[in-house]
Amino acid sequence: MAAPTLDEAMKRLEVALGLLEASISRRLDADTRRGGLETELQLMQDDRARLAVELDGALTRLHRFEAATDDVSRRVRHAIGAVETVLAQAGQLVTEEG
């Protein structure tokens, strides 16, 4: 087997450099994608935290609304009872007078 010529060695070097450049390019692309994914993950975590705070606020408002609704319902029932009592007493007065 004959010793490689300078031209052959240069061609092999060019091929090796091309492979190295392609490998570096793939690595840089992968790092860029990874960085993009990490950024996207961070944004999603931030959104999740914000949504959790908003949900807590909404639940607090819902509980307040339910308490107010219960209070209004109790007052309405009390008012209905009072009106029924007054009407019943008025009916008895009319019956007693009549």
C-alpha atoms as a PDB file:
ATOM      1  CA  MET A   1       0.000   0.000   0.000  1.00  0.00           C
ATOM      2  CA  ALA A   2       1.397   3.316  -1.042  1.00  0.00           C
ATOM      3  CA  ALA A   3       1.757   6.279   1.303  1.00  0.00           C
ATOM      4  CA  PRO A   4      -1.110   8.754   0.966  1.00  0.00           C
ATOM      5  CA  THR A   5      -0.395  11.714  -1.174  1.00  0.00           C
ATOM      6  CA  LEU A   6      -0.766  15.262  -0.003  1.00  0.00           C
ATOM      7  CA  ASP A   7      -3.908  15.689  -2.129  1.00  0.00           C
ATOM      8  CA  GLU A   8      -5.511  12.630  -0.557  1.00  0.00           C
ATOM      9  CA  ALA A   9      -4.606  13.865   2.914  1.00  0.00           C
ATOM     10  CA  MET A  10      -6.092  17.285   2.138  1.00  0.00           C
ATOM     11  CA  LYS A  11      -9.307  15.669   0.867  1.00  0.00           C
ATOM     12  CA  ARG A  12      -9.577  13.591   4.045  1.00  0.00           C
ATOM     13  CA  LEU A  13      -8.931  16.727   6.108  1.00  0.00           C
ATOM     14  CA  GLU A  14     -11.639  18.620   4.211  1.00  0.00           C
ATOM     15  CA  VAL A  15     -14.110  15.760   4.768  1.00  0.00           C
ATOM     16  CA  ALA A  16     -13.216  15.645   8.463  1.00  0.00           C
ATOM     17  CA  LEU A  17     -13.614  19.426   8.785  1.00  0.00           C
ATOM     18  CA  GLY A  18     -16.964  19.235   6.986  1.00  0.00           C
ATOM     19  CA  LEU A  19     -18.140  16.543   9.383  1.00  0.00           C
ATOM     20  CA  LEU A  20     -16.894  18.614  12.330  1.00  0.00           C
ATOM     21  CA  GLU A  21     -18.717  21.710  11.069  1.00  0.00           C
ATOM     22  CA  ALA A  22     -21.918  19.693  10.560  1.00  0.00           C
ATOM     23  CA  SER A  23     -21.585  18.268  14.074  1.00  0.00           C
ATOM     24  CA  ILE A  24     -21.038  21.728  15.564  1.00  0.00           C
ATOM     25  CA  SER A  25     -24.013  23.064  13.629  1.00  0.00           C
ATOM     26  CA  ARG A  26     -26.239  20.233  14.908  1.00  0.00           C
ATOM     27  CA  ARG A  27     -25.000  20.841  18.449  1.00  0.00           C
ATOM     28  CA  LEU A  28     -25.696  24.573  18.225  1.00  0.00           C
ATOM     29  CA  ASP A  29     -29.184  23.873  16.832  1.00  0.00           C
ATOM     30  CA  ALA A  30     -29.853  21.413  19.657  1.00  0.00           C
ATOM     31  CA  ASP A  31     -28.632  23.935  22.248  1.00  0.00           C
ATOM     32  CA  THR A  32     -30.836  26.616  20.689  1.00  0.00           C
ATOM     33  CA  ARG A  33     -33.859  24.303  20.740  1.00  0.00           C
ATOM     34  CA  ARG A  34     -33.092  23.289  24.319  1.00  0.00           C
ATOM     35  CA  GLY A  35     -32.798  26.940  25.299  1.00  0.00           C
ATOM     36  CA  GLY A  36     -36.100  27.607  23.558  1.00  0.00           C
ATOM     37  CA  LEU A  37     -37.716  24.687  25.371  1.00  0.00           C
ATOM     38  CA  GLU A  38     -36.332  25.857  28.699  1.00  0.00           C
ATOM     39  CA  THR A  39     -37.690  29.340  28.014  1.00  0.00           C
ATOM     40  CA  GLU A  40     -41.063  27.898  27.025  1.00  0.00           C
ATOM     41  CA  LEU A  41     -41.111  25.731  30.156  1.00  0.00           C
ATOM     42  CA  GLN A  42     -40.348  28.768  32.316  1.00  0.00           C
ATOM     43  CA  LEU A  43     -43.141  30.715  30.629  1.00  0.00           C
ATOM     44  CA  MET A  44     -45.537  27.829  31.236  1.00  0.00           C
ATOM     45  CA  GLN A  45     -44.507  27.672  34.905  1.00  0.00           C
ATOM     46  CA  ASP A  46     -45.021  31.430  35.218  1.00  0.00           C
ATOM     47  CA  ASP A  47     -48.466  31.092  33.582  1.00  0.00           C
ATOM     48  CA  ARG A  48     -49.335  28.231  35.926  1.00  0.00           C
ATOM     49  CA  ALA A  49     -48.364  30.295  38.964  1.00  0.00           C
ATOM     50  CA  ARG A  50     -50.367  33.279  37.693  1.00  0.00           C
ATOM     51  CA  LEU A  51     -53.385  31.081  36.986  1.00  0.00           C
ATOM     52  CA  ALA A  52     -53.135  29.530  40.455  1.00  0.00           C
ATOM     53  CA  VAL A  53     -53.222  33.004  42.028  1.00  0.00           C
ATOM     54  CA  GLU A  54     -56.180  33.990  39.835  1.00  0.00           C
ATOM     55  CA  LEU A  55     -57.979  30.752  40.755  1.00  0.00           C
ATOM     56  CA  ASP A  56     -57.421  31.402  44.457  1.00  0.00           C
ATOM     57  CA  GLY A  57     -58.874  34.891  44.027  1.00  0.00           C
ATOM     58  CA  ALA A  58     -61.849  33.544  42.096  1.00  0.00           C
ATOM     59  CA  LEU A  59     -62.506  30.928  44.777  1.00  0.00           C
ATOM     60  CA  THR A  60     -62.328  33.589  47.471  1.00  0.00           C
ATOM     61  CA  ARG A  61     -64.836  35.740  45.571  1.00  0.00           C
ATOM     62  CA  LEU A  62     -67.064  32.687  45.045  1.00  0.00           C
ATOM     63  CA  HIS A  63     -67.061  31.916  48.772  1.00  0.00           C
ATOM     64  CA  ARG A  64     -67.941  35.536  49.558  1.00  0.00           C
ATOM     65  CA  PHE A  65     -70.725  35.440  46.971  1.00  0.00           C
ATOM     66  CA  GLU A  66     -72.077  32.194  48.431  1.00  0.00           C
ATOM     67  CA  ALA A  67     -72.025  33.696  51.941  1.00  0.00           C
ATOM     68  CA  ALA A  68     -73.832  36.803  50.711  1.00  0.00           C
ATOM     69  CA  THR A  69     -76.363  34.666  48.840  1.00  0.00           C
ATOM     70  CA  ASP A  70     -76.999  32.599  51.968  1.00  0.00           C
ATOM     71  CA  ASP A  71     -77.474  35.787  53.993  1.00  0.00           C
ATOM     72  CA  VAL A  72     -79.894  37.271  51.459  1.00  0.00           C
ATOM     73  CA  SER A  73     -81.791  33.975  51.273  1.00  0.00           C
ATOM     74  CA  ARG A  74     -82.117  33.888  55.066  1.00  0.00           C
ATOM     75  CA  ARG A  75     -83.362  37.487  55.130  1.00  0.00           C
ATOM     76  CA  VAL A  76     -85.882  36.843  52.361  1.00  0.00           C
ATOM     77  CA  ARG A  77     -87.218  33.773  54.197  1.00  0.00           C
ATOM     78  CA  HIS A  78     -87.483  35.877  57.371  1.00  0.00           C
ATOM     79  CA  ALA A  79     -89.314  38.656  55.480  1.00  0.00           C
ATOM     80  CA  ILE A  80     -91.703  36.137  53.889  1.00  0.00           C
ATOM     81  CA  GLY A  81     -92.428  34.712  57.327  1.00  0.00           C
ATOM     82  CA  ALA A  82     -93.087  38.188  58.705  1.00  0.00           C
ATOM     83  CA  VAL A  83     -95.414  39.028  55.810  1.00  0.00           C
ATOM     84  CA  GLU A  84     -97.273  35.731  56.224  1.00  0.00           C
ATOM     85  CA  THR A  85     -97.650  36.428  59.946  1.00  0.00           C
ATOM     86  CA  VAL A  86     -98.998  39.935  59.292  1.00  0.00           C
ATOM     87  CA  LEU A  87    -101.387  38.622  56.628  1.00  0.00           C
ATOM     88  CA  ALA A  88    -102.546  35.846  58.914  1.00  0.00           C
ATOM     89  CA  GLN A  89    -103.179  38.305  61.740  1.00  0.00           C
ATOM     90  CA  ALA A  90    -104.971  40.673  59.363  1.00  0.00           C
ATOM     91  CA  GLY A  91    -107.128  37.780  58.191  1.00  0.00           C
ATOM     92  CA  GLN A  92    -108.021  36.920  61.744  1.00  0.00           C
ATOM     93  CA  LEU A  93    -108.942  40.517  62.453  1.00  0.00           C
ATOM     94  CA  VAL A  94    -111.221  40.644  59.433  1.00  0.00           C
ATOM     95  CA  THR A  95    -112.781  37.313  60.440  1.00  0.00           C
ATOM     96  CA  GLU A  96    -113.241  38.422  64.052  1.00  0.00           C
ATOM     97  CA  GLU A  97    -114.770  41.748  62.978  1.00  0.00           C
ATOM     98  CA  GLY A  98    -116.967  40.230  60.368  1.00  0.00           C
END
